[in-house]
Amino acid sequence: MKKVLVLIVCCLCSHLSFAEISQKVAAKATDFKKALYCAKNEEEINQIFKKYESTFDELLSDEERCFQKSVLLLERANFLQTEDNKKEFYYEFLKQRDTNVELIEAQNCTADFYAISADIISRLVNFSSGGELLRLSAKAKEYYLKAKKLDKKNFNASLGYGLWLYFAPSIAGGGFDSSIKEFSKAINNAKTDFDKYIALIYRSQVYFKIARVKNYEEDLKNAKDVLPDESLITHIVEKNKNGKLFFE
């Protein structure tokens, strides 16, 4: 449970005004992540980051701005975090966690915001140990379940919670079978091709872990069919050949 990926996906996400425009905000986040996972080189990746950040609108609600900043931080960590700068990212995740929690405690937030806030907290698990690790993990689970309660078909909640279940011990409700079931829910609830793509990749990694080779290969093939221009699967297969998972 020491390592929890973010979700690349991970990771997407108040008041009535947010509900009215959240589709636009979520669509921008999805397009941003899709572009990143189809990028062919570092220069293209850097341009994608700059383009996404340039779309931030000060007229958005506090929840939307926090959501966008959370998406950006998670993907920056996915692509740019190294041993040399990981301490800087740790403090960025702490700051974003505190901002998101403060907002959640101050108002009614959406399922997507709970889910991405759980993703942020899950990243902090990577930097923690002992009692702090357990406390953070429990808070992430709380937020994932809150998101699922608010929206039982929420893609982001199922994707993040599926990853949480993968790393969690059975005594805490985790396990590979539970993780597969939750990723399957994410696949069924996917609203975009990128959503389905990333959920298939996540589920493929659990199948790889438990040596269900046919299911593993089918999920990767289906992911490639869904997003033909992606550039990640070759890297994943190479990583698997060395006995490691995409999110480890």
C-alpha atoms as a PDB file:
ATOM      1  CA  MET A   1       0.000   0.000   0.000  1.00  0.00           C
ATOM      2  CA  LYS A   2       3.135   2.162   0.106  1.00  0.00           C
ATOM      3  CA  LYS A   3       2.859   2.983  -3.563  1.00  0.00           C
ATOM      4  CA  VAL A   4      -0.281   4.449  -5.023  1.00  0.00           C
ATOM      5  CA  LEU A   5      -0.214   5.824  -8.496  1.00  0.00           C
ATOM      6  CA  VAL A   6      -1.888   8.523  -9.355  1.00  0.00           C
ATOM      7  CA  LEU A   7      -4.088   8.295 -11.645  1.00  0.00           C
ATOM      8  CA  ILE A   8      -3.052   9.239 -14.512  1.00  0.00           C
ATOM      9  CA  VAL A   9      -6.108   9.300 -14.661  1.00  0.00           C
ATOM     10  CA  CYS A  10      -5.974   8.984 -13.131  1.00  0.00           C
ATOM     11  CA  CYS A  11      -7.459  11.178 -13.032  1.00  0.00           C
ATOM     12  CA  LEU A  12     -11.462  14.399 -13.724  1.00  0.00           C
ATOM     13  CA  CYS A  13     -13.913  16.936 -12.075  1.00  0.00           C
ATOM     14  CA  SER A  14     -20.630  23.187  -5.312  1.00  0.00           C
ATOM     15  CA  HIS A  15     -22.935  24.993  -6.420  1.00  0.00           C
ATOM     16  CA  LEU A  16     -25.488  24.999  -9.215  1.00  0.00           C
ATOM     17  CA  SER A  17     -23.250  27.218 -11.352  1.00  0.00           C
ATOM     18  CA  PHE A  18     -20.526  24.518 -11.324  1.00  0.00           C
ATOM     19  CA  ALA A  19     -22.943  21.827 -12.468  1.00  0.00           C
ATOM     20  CA  GLU A  20     -23.919  23.991 -15.414  1.00  0.00           C
ATOM     21  CA  ILE A  21     -20.375  24.305 -16.806  1.00  0.00           C
ATOM     22  CA  SER A  22     -18.558  21.293 -15.370  1.00  0.00           C
ATOM     23  CA  GLN A  23     -18.821  19.393 -18.658  1.00  0.00           C
ATOM     24  CA  LYS A  24     -16.637  22.031 -20.308  1.00  0.00           C
ATOM     25  CA  VAL A  25     -14.051  21.886 -17.514  1.00  0.00           C
ATOM     26  CA  ALA A  26     -14.033  18.087 -17.496  1.00  0.00           C
ATOM     27  CA  ALA A  27     -13.744  17.965 -21.285  1.00  0.00           C
ATOM     28  CA  LYS A  28     -10.680  20.230 -21.203  1.00  0.00           C
ATOM     29  CA  ALA A  29      -9.067  18.004 -18.589  1.00  0.00           C
ATOM     30  CA  THR A  30      -9.777  14.874 -20.623  1.00  0.00           C
ATOM     31  CA  ASP A  31      -8.428  16.431 -23.819  1.00  0.00           C
ATOM     32  CA  PHE A  32      -5.314  17.502 -21.909  1.00  0.00           C
ATOM     33  CA  LYS A  33      -4.613  14.003 -20.591  1.00  0.00           C
ATOM     34  CA  LYS A  34      -5.418  12.367 -23.901  1.00  0.00           C
ATOM     35  CA  ALA A  35      -2.926  14.648 -25.642  1.00  0.00           C
ATOM     36  CA  LEU A  36      -0.238  13.815 -23.067  1.00  0.00           C
ATOM     37  CA  TYR A  37      -0.626  10.072 -23.535  1.00  0.00           C
ATOM     38  CA  CYS A  38      -0.457  10.442 -27.298  1.00  0.00           C
ATOM     39  CA  ALA A  39       2.583  12.753 -27.226  1.00  0.00           C
ATOM     40  CA  LYS A  40       5.667  11.489 -29.046  1.00  0.00           C
ATOM     41  CA  ASN A  41       8.437  13.491 -27.389  1.00  0.00           C
ATOM     42  CA  GLU A  42       9.376  15.731 -24.456  1.00  0.00           C
ATOM     43  CA  GLU A  43       8.979  18.955 -26.412  1.00  0.00           C
ATOM     44  CA  GLU A  44       5.413  18.057 -27.331  1.00  0.00           C
ATOM     45  CA  ILE A  45       4.652  17.150 -23.708  1.00  0.00           C
ATOM     46  CA  ASN A  46       5.920  20.526 -22.468  1.00  0.00           C
ATOM     47  CA  GLN A  47       3.784  22.337 -25.040  1.00  0.00           C
ATOM     48  CA  ILE A  48       0.711  20.407 -23.903  1.00  0.00           C
ATOM     49  CA  PHE A  49       1.289  21.423 -20.288  1.00  0.00           C
ATOM     50  CA  LYS A  50       1.605  25.081 -21.259  1.00  0.00           C
ATOM     51  CA  LYS A  51      -1.494  24.958 -23.430  1.00  0.00           C
ATOM     52  CA  TYR A  52      -3.636  23.414 -20.693  1.00  0.00           C
ATOM     53  CA  GLU A  53      -2.509  25.903 -18.069  1.00  0.00           C
ATOM     54  CA  SER A  54      -3.264  28.764 -20.446  1.00  0.00           C
ATOM     55  CA  THR A  55      -6.945  27.678 -20.521  1.00  0.00           C
ATOM     56  CA  PHE A  56      -7.453  28.317 -16.795  1.00  0.00           C
ATOM     57  CA  ASP A  57     -10.235  30.851 -16.369  1.00  0.00           C
ATOM     58  CA  GLU A  58     -10.394  33.115 -13.314  1.00  0.00           C
ATOM     59  CA  LEU A  59     -14.158  33.363 -13.755  1.00  0.00           C
ATOM     60  CA  LEU A  60     -14.579  29.713 -12.807  1.00  0.00           C
ATOM     61  CA  SER A  61     -15.743  28.671  -9.358  1.00  0.00           C
ATOM     62  CA  ASP A  62     -13.269  27.895  -6.588  1.00  0.00           C
ATOM     63  CA  GLU A  63     -14.031  24.204  -7.026  1.00  0.00           C
ATOM     64  CA  GLU A  64     -13.328  24.281 -10.738  1.00  0.00           C
ATOM     65  CA  ARG A  65     -10.036  26.117 -10.282  1.00  0.00           C
ATOM     66  CA  CYS A  66      -8.930  23.645  -7.599  1.00  0.00           C
ATOM     67  CA  PHE A  67      -9.968  20.799  -9.852  1.00  0.00           C
ATOM     68  CA  GLN A  68      -7.912  22.124 -12.767  1.00  0.00           C
ATOM     69  CA  LYS A  69      -4.868  22.711 -10.574  1.00  0.00           C
ATOM     70  CA  SER A  70      -5.195  19.187  -9.171  1.00  0.00           C
ATOM     71  CA  VAL A  71      -5.331  17.685 -12.663  1.00  0.00           C
ATOM     72  CA  LEU A  72      -2.272  19.675 -13.698  1.00  0.00           C
ATOM     73  CA  LEU A  73      -0.293  18.702 -10.591  1.00  0.00           C
ATOM     74  CA  LEU A  74      -1.065  14.999 -10.932  1.00  0.00           C
ATOM     75  CA  GLU A  75       0.011  14.906 -14.561  1.00  0.00           C
ATOM     76  CA  ARG A  76       3.104  17.010 -13.926  1.00  0.00           C
ATOM     77  CA  ALA A  77       4.117  14.452 -11.309  1.00  0.00           C
ATOM     78  CA  ASN A  78       3.364  11.591 -13.709  1.00  0.00           C
ATOM     79  CA  PHE A  79       5.608  13.004 -16.405  1.00  0.00           C
ATOM     80  CA  LEU A  80       8.141  15.226 -14.648  1.00  0.00           C
ATOM     81  CA  GLN A  81       8.773  13.911 -11.129  1.00  0.00           C
ATOM     82  CA  THR A  82      12.289  12.550 -10.529  1.00  0.00           C
ATOM     83  CA  GLU A  83      14.394  11.624  -7.541  1.00  0.00           C
ATOM     84  CA  ASP A  84      15.930  15.090  -7.688  1.00  0.00           C
ATOM     85  CA  ASN A  85      12.645  17.039  -7.537  1.00  0.00           C
ATOM     86  CA  LYS A  86      10.356  14.695  -5.608  1.00  0.00           C
ATOM     87  CA  LYS A  87      10.640  16.777  -2.428  1.00  0.00           C
ATOM     88  CA  GLU A  88       9.320  19.794  -4.327  1.00  0.00           C
ATOM     89  CA  PHE A  89       6.392  17.739  -5.570  1.00  0.00           C
ATOM     90  CA  TYR A  90       5.732  16.522  -2.024  1.00  0.00           C
ATOM     91  CA  TYR A  91       5.207  20.094  -0.847  1.00  0.00           C
ATOM     92  CA  GLU A  92       3.052  20.873  -3.870  1.00  0.00           C
ATOM     93  CA  PHE A  93       0.831  17.887  -3.083  1.00  0.00           C
ATOM     94  CA  LEU A  94       0.607  18.950   0.568  1.00  0.00           C
ATOM     95  CA  LYS A  95      -0.475  22.442  -0.443  1.00  0.00           C
ATOM     96  CA  GLN A  96      -3.045  21.181  -2.944  1.00  0.00           C
ATOM     97  CA  ARG A  97      -4.375  18.643  -0.431  1.00  0.00           C
ATOM     98  CA  ASP A  98      -4.900  21.356   2.172  1.00  0.00           C
ATOM     99  CA  THR A  99      -6.618  23.636  -0.346  1.00  0.00           C
ATOM    100  CA  ASN A 100      -8.972  20.898  -1.524  1.00  0.00           C
ATOM    101  CA  VAL A 101      -9.836  19.725   1.986  1.00  0.00           C
ATOM    102  CA  GLU A 102     -10.554  23.293   3.060  1.00  0.00           C
ATOM    103  CA  LEU A 103     -12.972  23.675   0.165  1.00  0.00           C
ATOM    104  CA  ILE A 104     -14.669  20.340   0.881  1.00  0.00           C
ATOM    105  CA  GLU A 105     -15.199  21.373   4.502  1.00  0.00           C
ATOM    106  CA  ALA A 106     -16.626  24.745   3.464  1.00  0.00           C
ATOM    107  CA  GLN A 107     -19.203  23.732   0.851  1.00  0.00           C
ATOM    108  CA  ASN A 108     -20.986  20.907  -0.917  1.00  0.00           C
ATOM    109  CA  CYS A 109     -18.648  19.555  -3.582  1.00  0.00           C
ATOM    110  CA  THR A 110     -19.173  17.267  -6.566  1.00  0.00           C
ATOM    111  CA  ALA A 111     -18.293  13.592  -6.845  1.00  0.00           C
ATOM    112  CA  ASP A 112     -15.496  14.436  -9.284  1.00  0.00           C
ATOM    113  CA  PHE A 113     -13.954  16.857  -6.818  1.00  0.00           C
ATOM    114  CA  TYR A 114     -14.016  14.290  -4.020  1.00  0.00           C
ATOM    115  CA  ALA A 115     -12.411  11.765  -6.378  1.00  0.00           C
ATOM    116  CA  ILE A 116      -9.581  14.009  -7.510  1.00  0.00           C
ATOM    117  CA  SER A 117      -8.972  15.149  -3.937  1.00  0.00           C
ATOM    118  CA  ALA A 118      -8.613  11.476  -3.011  1.00  0.00           C
ATOM    119  CA  ASP A 119      -6.103  11.119  -5.865  1.00  0.00           C
ATOM    120  CA  ILE A 120      -4.065  13.994  -4.417  1.00  0.00           C
ATOM    121  CA  ILE A 121      -4.098  12.400  -0.960  1.00  0.00           C
ATOM    122  CA  SER A 122      -3.128   9.042  -2.465  1.00  0.00           C
ATOM    123  CA  ARG A 123      -0.015  10.640  -3.901  1.00  0.00           C
ATOM    124  CA  LEU A 124       1.020  11.730  -0.435  1.00  0.00           C
ATOM    125  CA  VAL A 125       0.885   8.072   0.625  1.00  0.00           C
ATOM    126  CA  ASN A 126       3.961   7.553  -1.548  1.00  0.00           C
ATOM    127  CA  PHE A 127       5.900   9.897   0.714  1.00  0.00           C
ATOM    128  CA  SER A 128       4.611   8.485   4.009  1.00  0.00           C
ATOM    129  CA  SER A 129       5.064   5.575   6.382  1.00  0.00           C
ATOM    130  CA  GLY A 130       3.648   4.132   9.598  1.00  0.00           C
ATOM    131  CA  GLY A 131       0.653   5.838  11.144  1.00  0.00           C
ATOM    132  CA  GLU A 132       0.701   8.739   8.695  1.00  0.00           C
ATOM    133  CA  LEU A 133       0.478   6.329   5.767  1.00  0.00           C
ATOM    134  CA  LEU A 134      -2.540   4.611   7.326  1.00  0.00           C
ATOM    135  CA  ARG A 135      -4.244   7.921   8.108  1.00  0.00           C
ATOM    136  CA  LEU A 136      -3.784   9.246   4.576  1.00  0.00           C
ATOM    137  CA  SER A 137      -4.925   5.992   3.031  1.00  0.00           C
ATOM    138  CA  ALA A 138      -8.070   5.996   5.177  1.00  0.00           C
ATOM    139  CA  LYS A 139      -8.853   9.599   4.183  1.00  0.00           C
ATOM    140  CA  ALA A 140      -8.397   8.776   0.483  1.00  0.00           C
ATOM    141  CA  LYS A 141     -10.777   5.822   0.856  1.00  0.00           C
ATOM    142  CA  GLU A 142     -13.289   8.052   2.641  1.00  0.00           C
ATOM    143  CA  TYR A 143     -13.271  10.531  -0.244  1.00  0.00           C
ATOM    144  CA  TYR A 144     -13.515   7.829  -2.924  1.00  0.00           C
ATOM    145  CA  LEU A 145     -16.528   6.303  -1.179  1.00  0.00           C
ATOM    146  CA  LYS A 146     -18.094   9.751  -0.738  1.00  0.00           C
ATOM    147  CA  ALA A 147     -17.708  10.340  -4.472  1.00  0.00           C
ATOM    148  CA  LYS A 148     -19.327   6.976  -5.208  1.00  0.00           C
ATOM    149  CA  LYS A 149     -22.166   7.794  -2.834  1.00  0.00           C
ATOM    150  CA  LEU A 150     -22.798  11.082  -4.605  1.00  0.00           C
ATOM    151  CA  ASP A 151     -22.622   9.413  -8.026  1.00  0.00           C
ATOM    152  CA  LYS A 152     -22.598   5.616  -8.109  1.00  0.00           C
ATOM    153  CA  LYS A 153     -21.552   5.645 -11.770  1.00  0.00           C
ATOM    154  CA  ASN A 154     -18.746   8.156 -11.370  1.00  0.00           C
ATOM    155  CA  PHE A 155     -15.833   7.079 -13.554  1.00  0.00           C
ATOM    156  CA  ASN A 156     -13.121   8.919 -11.646  1.00  0.00           C
ATOM    157  CA  ALA A 157     -14.201   7.494  -8.306  1.00  0.00           C
ATOM    158  CA  SER A 158     -14.154   3.918  -9.617  1.00  0.00           C
ATOM    159  CA  LEU A 159     -10.775   4.373 -11.307  1.00  0.00           C
ATOM    160  CA  GLY A 160      -9.150   5.833  -8.214  1.00  0.00           C
ATOM    161  CA  TYR A 161     -10.822   3.436  -5.804  1.00  0.00           C
ATOM    162  CA  GLY A 162      -9.822   0.488  -7.983  1.00  0.00           C
ATOM    163  CA  LEU A 163      -6.209   1.526  -7.577  1.00  0.00           C
ATOM    164  CA  TRP A 164      -6.694   2.010  -3.840  1.00  0.00           C
ATOM    165  CA  LEU A 165      -8.091  -1.531  -3.593  1.00  0.00           C
ATOM    166  CA  TYR A 166      -5.119  -2.923  -5.486  1.00  0.00           C
ATOM    167  CA  PHE A 167      -2.640  -1.617  -2.933  1.00  0.00           C
ATOM    168  CA  ALA A 168      -4.785  -2.025   0.191  1.00  0.00           C
ATOM    169  CA  PRO A 169      -4.458  -5.172   2.337  1.00  0.00           C
ATOM    170  CA  SER A 170      -7.391  -7.547   2.534  1.00  0.00           C
ATOM    171  CA  ILE A 171      -7.981  -6.598   6.170  1.00  0.00           C
ATOM    172  CA  ALA A 172      -8.795  -3.083   4.941  1.00  0.00           C
ATOM    173  CA  GLY A 173     -11.075  -4.376   2.189  1.00  0.00           C
ATOM    174  CA  GLY A 174      -8.505  -4.463  -0.577  1.00  0.00           C
ATOM    175  CA  GLY A 175      -7.465  -7.243  -2.916  1.00  0.00           C
ATOM    176  CA  PHE A 176      -6.912  -8.037  -6.562  1.00  0.00           C
ATOM    177  CA  ASP A 177     -10.423  -9.359  -7.214  1.00  0.00           C
ATOM    178  CA  SER A 178     -11.982  -6.248  -5.671  1.00  0.00           C
ATOM    179  CA  SER A 179      -9.673  -4.069  -7.715  1.00  0.00           C
ATOM    180  CA  ILE A 180     -10.634  -5.820 -10.960  1.00  0.00           C
ATOM    181  CA  LYS A 181     -14.331  -5.400 -10.177  1.00  0.00           C
ATOM    182  CA  GLU A 182     -13.888  -1.687  -9.530  1.00  0.00           C
ATOM    183  CA  PHE A 183     -11.850  -1.142 -12.693  1.00  0.00           C
ATOM    184  CA  SER A 184     -14.560  -3.021 -14.611  1.00  0.00           C
ATOM    185  CA  LYS A 185     -17.094  -0.531 -13.247  1.00  0.00           C
ATOM    186  CA  ALA A 186     -14.870   2.293 -14.462  1.00  0.00           C
ATOM    187  CA  ILE A 187     -14.739   0.742 -17.934  1.00  0.00           C
ATOM    188  CA  ASN A 188     -18.518   0.422 -18.013  1.00  0.00           C
ATOM    189  CA  ASN A 189     -18.987   3.995 -16.783  1.00  0.00           C
ATOM    190  CA  ALA A 190     -16.420   5.564 -19.128  1.00  0.00           C
ATOM    191  CA  LYS A 191     -17.820   8.555 -20.996  1.00  0.00           C
ATOM    192  CA  THR A 192     -14.899   9.128 -23.372  1.00  0.00           C
ATOM    193  CA  ASP A 193     -12.460   7.010 -25.335  1.00  0.00           C
ATOM    194  CA  PHE A 194      -9.620   8.169 -23.090  1.00  0.00           C
ATOM    195  CA  ASP A 195     -11.525   7.141 -19.954  1.00  0.00           C
ATOM    196  CA  LYS A 196     -12.056   3.661 -21.330  1.00  0.00           C
ATOM    197  CA  TYR A 197      -8.456   3.468 -22.524  1.00  0.00           C
ATOM    198  CA  ILE A 198      -6.897   4.275 -19.156  1.00  0.00           C
ATOM    199  CA  ALA A 199      -9.296   2.012 -17.238  1.00  0.00           C
ATOM    200  CA  LEU A 200      -8.480  -0.912 -19.540  1.00  0.00           C
ATOM    201  CA  ILE A 201      -4.775  -0.308 -18.962  1.00  0.00           C
ATOM    202  CA  TYR A 202      -5.225  -0.272 -15.190  1.00  0.00           C
ATOM    203  CA  ARG A 203      -7.241  -3.477 -15.223  1.00  0.00           C
ATOM    204  CA  SER A 204      -4.690  -5.129 -17.521  1.00  0.00           C
ATOM    205  CA  GLN A 205      -2.024  -4.568 -14.897  1.00  0.00           C
ATOM    206  CA  VAL A 206      -3.971  -6.412 -12.222  1.00  0.00           C
ATOM    207  CA  TYR A 207      -4.508  -9.289 -14.658  1.00  0.00           C
ATOM    208  CA  PHE A 208      -0.763  -9.277 -15.305  1.00  0.00           C
ATOM    209  CA  LYS A 209      -0.068  -9.393 -11.569  1.00  0.00           C
ATOM    210  CA  ILE A 210      -2.217 -12.500 -11.096  1.00  0.00           C
ATOM    211  CA  ALA A 211      -0.961 -14.161 -14.311  1.00  0.00           C
ATOM    212  CA  ARG A 212      -4.248 -14.057 -16.215  1.00  0.00           C
ATOM    213  CA  VAL A 213      -2.341 -13.634 -19.455  1.00  0.00           C
ATOM    214  CA  LYS A 214      -5.264 -13.857 -21.873  1.00  0.00           C
ATOM    215  CA  ASN A 215      -7.235 -11.165 -20.023  1.00  0.00           C
ATOM    216  CA  TYR A 216      -4.098  -9.014 -19.767  1.00  0.00           C
ATOM    217  CA  GLU A 217      -3.424  -9.186 -23.496  1.00  0.00           C
ATOM    218  CA  GLU A 218      -7.085  -8.580 -24.383  1.00  0.00           C
ATOM    219  CA  ASP A 219      -7.251  -5.446 -22.254  1.00  0.00           C
ATOM    220  CA  LEU A 220      -4.119  -3.966 -23.806  1.00  0.00           C
ATOM    221  CA  LYS A 221      -5.371  -4.787 -27.301  1.00  0.00           C
ATOM    222  CA  ASN A 222      -8.751  -3.221 -26.576  1.00  0.00           C
ATOM    223  CA  ALA A 223      -7.073  -0.152 -25.097  1.00  0.00           C
ATOM    224  CA  LYS A 224      -5.021   0.276 -28.280  1.00  0.00           C
ATOM    225  CA  ASP A 225      -8.152  -0.139 -30.394  1.00  0.00           C
ATOM    226  CA  VAL A 226      -9.899   2.570 -28.383  1.00  0.00           C
ATOM    227  CA  LEU A 227      -7.008   5.045 -28.688  1.00  0.00           C
ATOM    228  CA  PRO A 228      -4.884   4.063 -31.722  1.00  0.00           C
ATOM    229  CA  ASP A 229      -2.616   7.119 -31.496  1.00  0.00           C
ATOM    230  CA  GLU A 230      -1.531   6.455 -27.901  1.00  0.00           C
ATOM    231  CA  SER A 231       2.162   6.103 -27.091  1.00  0.00           C
ATOM    232  CA  LEU A 232       2.077   4.383 -23.694  1.00  0.00           C
ATOM    233  CA  ILE A 233       1.348   0.694 -24.246  1.00  0.00           C
ATOM    234  CA  THR A 234       4.761  -0.139 -25.719  1.00  0.00           C
ATOM    235  CA  HIS A 235       6.363   1.269 -22.585  1.00  0.00           C
ATOM    236  CA  ILE A 236       3.962  -0.679 -20.379  1.00  0.00           C
ATOM    237  CA  VAL A 237       4.705  -3.979 -22.127  1.00  0.00           C
ATOM    238  CA  GLU A 238       8.452  -3.404 -21.709  1.00  0.00           C
ATOM    239  CA  LYS A 239       7.955  -2.608 -18.048  1.00  0.00           C
ATOM    240  CA  ASN A 240       5.860  -5.760 -17.603  1.00  0.00           C
ATOM    241  CA  LYS A 241       8.582  -7.847 -19.232  1.00  0.00           C
ATOM    242  CA  ASN A 242      10.860  -6.672 -16.423  1.00  0.00           C
ATOM    243  CA  GLY A 243       8.313  -7.805 -13.849  1.00  0.00           C
ATOM    244  CA  LYS A 244       6.988  -4.334 -12.985  1.00  0.00           C
ATOM    245  CA  LEU A 245       3.546  -2.807 -13.312  1.00  0.00           C
ATOM    246  CA  PHE A 246       2.593   0.479 -14.949  1.00  0.00           C
ATOM    247  CA  PHE A 247       1.581   1.948 -11.593  1.00  0.00           C
ATOM    248  CA  GLU A 248       4.502   0.625  -9.550  1.00  0.00           C
END
